[in-house]
Protein backbone atom coordinates (compact mmCIF):
# COMPACT_ATOMS: atom_id res chain seq x y z
CA MET A 1 111.23 59.35 201.99
CA THR A 2 108.08 60.96 203.39
CA THR A 3 107.15 62.46 200.04
CA SER A 4 107.67 59.17 198.23
CA ALA A 5 105.55 57.31 200.74
CA SER A 6 102.76 59.85 200.49
CA ILE A 7 102.68 59.59 196.72
CA GLY A 8 102.59 55.84 196.92
CA ILE A 9 99.65 55.84 199.33
CA THR A 10 97.49 58.58 197.87
CA GLY A 11 98.44 58.23 194.23
CA ALA A 12 98.59 62.05 194.00
CA ALA A 13 101.08 63.59 191.64
CA PRO A 14 103.72 65.80 193.22
CA SER A 15 103.13 69.53 192.84
CA VAL A 16 105.79 70.90 190.52
CA ARG A 17 106.44 74.61 190.75
CA PRO A 18 107.09 76.12 187.32
CA ARG A 19 110.73 76.88 186.78
CA SER A 20 111.46 80.59 187.19
CA VAL A 21 112.68 82.52 184.16
CA SER A 22 116.46 82.88 184.20
CA TYR A 23 118.05 86.25 183.45
CA GLY A 24 121.51 84.77 183.30
CA HIS A 25 121.83 85.71 179.63
CA ALA A 26 119.94 89.00 179.75
CA HIS A 27 123.10 90.89 178.78
CA TRP A 28 122.80 89.47 175.25
CA TYR A 29 119.34 91.01 174.91
CA PHE A 30 120.61 94.32 176.25
CA LEU A 31 123.43 94.20 173.71
CA ALA A 32 120.87 93.52 170.97
CA ALA A 33 119.02 96.67 172.08
CA LEU A 34 122.35 98.51 172.03
CA ALA A 35 123.02 97.28 168.48
CA ALA A 36 119.59 98.53 167.37
CA THR A 37 120.31 101.88 169.02
CA LEU A 38 123.70 102.19 167.33
CA ALA A 39 122.22 101.26 163.96
CA GLY A 40 119.27 103.61 164.29
CA PHE A 41 121.25 106.62 165.45
CA TRP A 42 124.39 105.94 163.43
CA PRO A 43 123.67 108.42 160.60
CA SER A 44 122.52 111.27 162.84
CA PHE A 45 124.66 110.83 165.96
CA PHE A 46 127.27 108.09 166.24
CA ARG A 47 128.85 108.61 162.83
CA HIS A 48 129.65 112.21 163.74
CA LEU A 49 130.13 111.69 167.47
CA GLY A 50 131.17 114.99 169.03
CA ALA A 51 129.73 117.13 166.24
CA ALA A 52 126.44 117.68 168.05
CA ASP A 53 125.95 120.37 170.69
CA PHE A 54 126.81 119.66 174.30
CA TRP A 55 123.31 118.66 175.47
CA HIS A 56 122.56 116.34 172.56
CA SER A 57 125.98 114.72 172.97
CA LEU A 58 125.50 114.35 176.73
CA HIS A 59 122.07 112.80 176.28
CA GLY A 60 123.21 110.38 173.57
CA ILE A 61 126.24 109.25 175.54
CA THR A 62 124.39 108.78 178.85
CA ALA A 63 121.54 106.90 177.14
CA THR A 64 124.11 104.58 175.55
CA LEU A 65 125.98 104.10 178.82
CA TRP A 66 122.68 103.23 180.52
CA ILE A 67 122.28 100.19 178.27
CA VAL A 68 125.96 99.28 178.59
CA GLY A 69 125.68 99.54 182.38
CA LEU A 70 122.69 97.20 182.55
CA ALA A 71 124.38 94.72 180.23
CA THR A 72 127.49 94.81 182.42
CA GLN A 73 125.42 94.25 185.57
CA SER A 74 123.74 91.24 183.99
CA TRP A 75 127.06 89.79 182.84
CA LEU A 76 128.57 90.21 186.31
CA MET A 77 125.60 88.52 188.00
CA SER A 78 125.75 85.62 185.55
CA ARG A 79 129.27 84.99 186.84
CA GLY A 80 128.42 85.43 190.50
CA ARG A 81 130.27 88.72 190.91
CA VAL A 82 127.67 90.31 193.14
CA ARG A 83 129.98 92.92 194.67
CA TRP A 84 130.97 94.30 191.26
CA HIS A 85 127.35 94.16 190.16
CA ARG A 86 126.46 96.49 193.02
CA ARG A 87 129.33 98.83 192.23
CA VAL A 88 128.21 99.14 188.61
CA ALA A 89 124.64 99.64 189.86
CA TRP A 90 125.76 102.78 191.69
CA GLY A 91 127.33 104.06 188.50
CA VAL A 92 124.11 103.38 186.56
CA LEU A 93 122.06 105.24 189.18
CA LEU A 94 124.41 108.22 188.97
CA LEU A 95 123.66 108.34 185.24
CA LEU A 96 119.93 108.72 185.86
CA PRO A 97 119.78 112.44 186.79
CA ILE A 98 122.14 113.29 183.93
CA LEU A 99 120.06 111.27 181.50
CA VAL A 100 116.81 112.86 182.67
CA ILE A 101 118.08 116.45 182.76
CA SER A 102 119.75 116.19 179.35
CA ALA A 103 116.59 114.65 177.87
CA LEU A 104 114.42 117.43 179.28
CA TYR A 105 116.81 120.01 177.84
CA VAL A 106 116.83 118.38 174.40
CA VAL A 107 113.01 118.36 174.34
CA GLY A 108 112.95 122.06 175.20
CA VAL A 109 115.48 122.98 172.52
CA MET A 110 113.53 120.89 170.01
CA GLN A 111 110.49 123.13 170.52
CA ARG A 112 112.57 126.03 169.18
CA ASN A 113 114.16 124.13 166.30
CA SER A 114 112.94 125.66 163.04
CA ALA A 115 114.39 122.70 161.10
CA ILE A 116 111.66 120.50 162.60
CA ALA A 117 108.15 120.90 161.21
CA PRO A 118 105.93 122.76 163.70
CA PHE A 119 103.45 119.88 164.00
CA LEU A 120 106.26 117.42 164.77
CA ARG A 121 107.66 119.33 167.74
CA PRO A 122 104.72 118.66 170.09
CA PHE A 123 104.39 115.18 168.54
CA PHE A 124 107.95 114.24 169.52
CA ALA A 125 107.52 115.85 172.93
CA PHE A 126 104.53 113.62 173.65
CA ILE A 127 106.80 110.61 173.17
CA ASP A 128 109.78 111.98 175.05
CA LEU A 129 108.29 113.62 178.14
CA PRO A 130 106.11 110.65 179.20
CA SER A 131 109.04 108.31 178.48
CA ILE A 132 111.32 110.36 180.75
CA ALA A 133 108.71 110.25 183.52
CA PHE A 134 108.13 106.52 183.03
CA LEU A 135 111.88 105.85 183.18
CA VAL A 136 111.98 107.43 186.63
CA VAL A 137 108.91 105.41 187.69
CA LEU A 138 110.52 102.13 186.57
CA VAL A 139 113.78 102.88 188.38
CA VAL A 140 111.96 103.87 191.58
CA LEU A 141 109.93 100.65 191.46
CA ALA A 142 113.13 98.68 190.81
CA LEU A 143 114.78 100.22 193.87
CA ARG A 144 111.72 99.54 196.01
CA ASN A 145 111.96 95.88 194.96
CA VAL A 146 115.72 95.52 195.29
CA ARG A 147 115.16 92.69 197.80
CA VAL A 148 112.79 90.95 195.38
CA PRO A 149 115.17 90.04 192.54
CA ALA A 150 112.45 88.71 190.22
CA ALA A 151 110.67 92.08 190.29
CA HIS A 152 113.81 94.23 190.48
CA LYS A 153 115.47 92.85 187.36
CA ARG A 154 112.27 93.12 185.33
CA PHE A 155 111.75 96.78 186.19
CA MET A 156 115.35 97.57 185.25
CA SER A 157 115.13 95.50 182.07
CA ALA A 158 112.01 97.39 181.02
CA THR A 159 113.92 100.69 181.04
CA VAL A 160 115.93 99.55 178.01
CA LEU A 161 112.76 99.32 175.93
CA LEU A 162 112.00 103.03 176.36
CA GLY A 163 114.70 104.05 173.91
CA LEU A 164 113.84 101.48 171.26
CA PRO A 165 110.99 103.33 169.46
CA ALA A 166 113.25 106.26 168.53
CA ALA A 167 116.02 103.94 167.37
CA LEU A 168 113.75 101.52 165.50
CA THR A 169 111.82 104.32 163.79
CA ARG A 170 115.08 105.63 162.33
CA LEU A 171 116.27 102.12 161.51
CA TYR A 172 113.05 101.16 159.73
CA PHE A 173 112.96 104.41 157.79
CA THR A 174 116.60 103.94 156.71
CA ALA A 175 116.05 100.31 155.73
CA PHE A 176 112.78 101.07 153.92
CA PRO A 177 113.09 104.65 152.60
CA ASN A 178 109.75 104.47 150.75
CA VAL A 179 107.87 103.77 153.96
CA HIS A 180 105.97 106.73 155.42
CA PRO A 181 107.69 108.01 158.60
CA MET A 182 104.49 107.56 160.61
CA LEU A 183 104.29 103.93 159.55
CA ALA A 184 107.89 103.47 160.67
CA PHE A 185 107.06 105.12 163.99
CA HIS A 186 104.00 102.98 164.68
CA GLY A 187 105.90 99.92 163.48
CA SER A 188 108.55 100.62 166.11
CA LEU A 189 105.90 100.80 168.84
CA VAL A 190 104.30 97.57 167.64
CA THR A 191 107.73 95.91 167.74
CA VAL A 192 108.22 96.92 171.37
CA GLU A 193 104.69 95.84 172.25
CA VAL A 194 105.28 92.42 170.69
CA ILE A 195 108.50 92.08 172.70
CA LEU A 196 106.58 92.88 175.87
CA LEU A 197 103.83 90.40 175.01
CA VAL A 198 106.43 87.68 174.54
CA LEU A 199 108.00 88.56 177.89
CA ILE A 200 104.60 88.52 179.62
CA ILE A 201 103.64 85.16 178.11
CA THR A 202 107.03 83.70 179.04
CA ASP A 203 106.57 84.90 182.61
CA ARG A 204 103.04 83.51 182.84
CA ARG A 205 104.17 80.10 181.63
CA ALA A 206 106.84 80.15 184.31
CA GLY A 207 104.32 81.07 186.99
CA GLU A 208 105.58 84.65 187.35
CA ARG A 209 103.11 87.48 187.95
CA ARG A 210 105.21 90.64 187.90
CA LEU A 211 104.13 94.21 187.21
CA ALA A 212 106.99 95.54 185.08
CA TYR A 213 106.06 94.19 181.65
CA PRO A 214 102.25 94.59 181.82
CA LEU A 215 102.76 98.16 183.08
CA SER A 216 105.21 98.87 180.28
CA LEU A 217 102.85 97.40 177.68
CA ALA A 218 100.02 99.61 178.96
CA PHE A 219 102.35 102.62 178.72
CA PHE A 220 103.34 101.99 175.09
CA VAL A 221 99.78 101.23 174.01
CA ALA A 222 98.59 104.45 175.67
CA ILE A 223 101.29 106.44 173.85
CA GLN A 224 100.33 104.88 170.52
CA VAL A 225 96.60 105.52 171.01
CA LEU A 226 96.85 109.03 172.46
CA ILE A 227 99.74 110.58 170.57
CA GLY A 228 97.67 111.67 167.59
CA PRO A 229 94.79 113.44 169.35
CA VAL A 230 96.79 114.76 172.31
CA SER A 231 99.86 116.07 170.45
CA SER A 232 97.64 117.93 167.98
CA SER A 233 95.43 119.46 170.67
CA GLY A 234 95.59 123.15 171.40
CA VAL A 235 96.31 122.56 175.08
CA TRP A 236 99.35 120.39 174.42
CA LYS A 237 100.67 122.71 171.70
CA ALA A 238 100.36 125.68 174.03
CA ALA A 239 102.07 123.79 176.84
CA MET A 240 104.99 122.84 174.59
CA ALA A 241 105.24 126.36 173.18
CA TRP A 242 105.50 127.64 176.77
CA TYR A 243 108.05 124.96 177.67
CA GLY A 244 110.22 125.80 174.68
CA SER A 245 110.03 129.51 175.46
CA LEU A 246 111.69 129.13 178.85
CA PRO A 247 114.89 131.23 179.02
CA ILE A 248 117.03 128.20 179.86
CA PHE A 249 116.58 126.91 176.30
CA SER A 250 117.63 130.11 174.58
């Protein structure tokens, strides 16, 4: 009644707060990322599941379960099952150290792999090591914002995008075999950057100003700009040669 009377007297339009972006169907987007991952890694990993060495298998399985876990959490929240959402969240968090350690091990072994061209070993490491670090940063920020759902769910959602460049590069190269591998790689990064731009624009239109997607966009752009000069530098090559020489990787 008071609001109606005020509008009638002053003629001012009511202030309408933009509707917040719903993540009630986020599990479908996570499953789309999972499908891209399965398609991209099907020839080299999933088709011969169990044929890889222990560390590659452990990394591939935990990375897959990470996406499945986030999709499950989203599905549970969309149905109001908060208690089960939290239980699955603990399982996802327990995956994090396994995912990180296995990834670090795979990067180290890769530096010794004679089947990979010498110039590609530090190149791949410049993608993987910053991505591992950024994954931890995103999860820490998500946990710090656990009482701010709008921020929390965006930080956790952004973690799924970290695995897409590797999957999409393989998928693009398989779908378009005549395309140069570097074009497929940069195409995968551009794809992720476009996804992030869409998410940022969607948030802005809804009145959201959250850090997760702009921070992620800055990360991927930095990787794309710096990977050439940094991965080919003597300092980075020496650092990766030292890393791969550690006894743990022998």
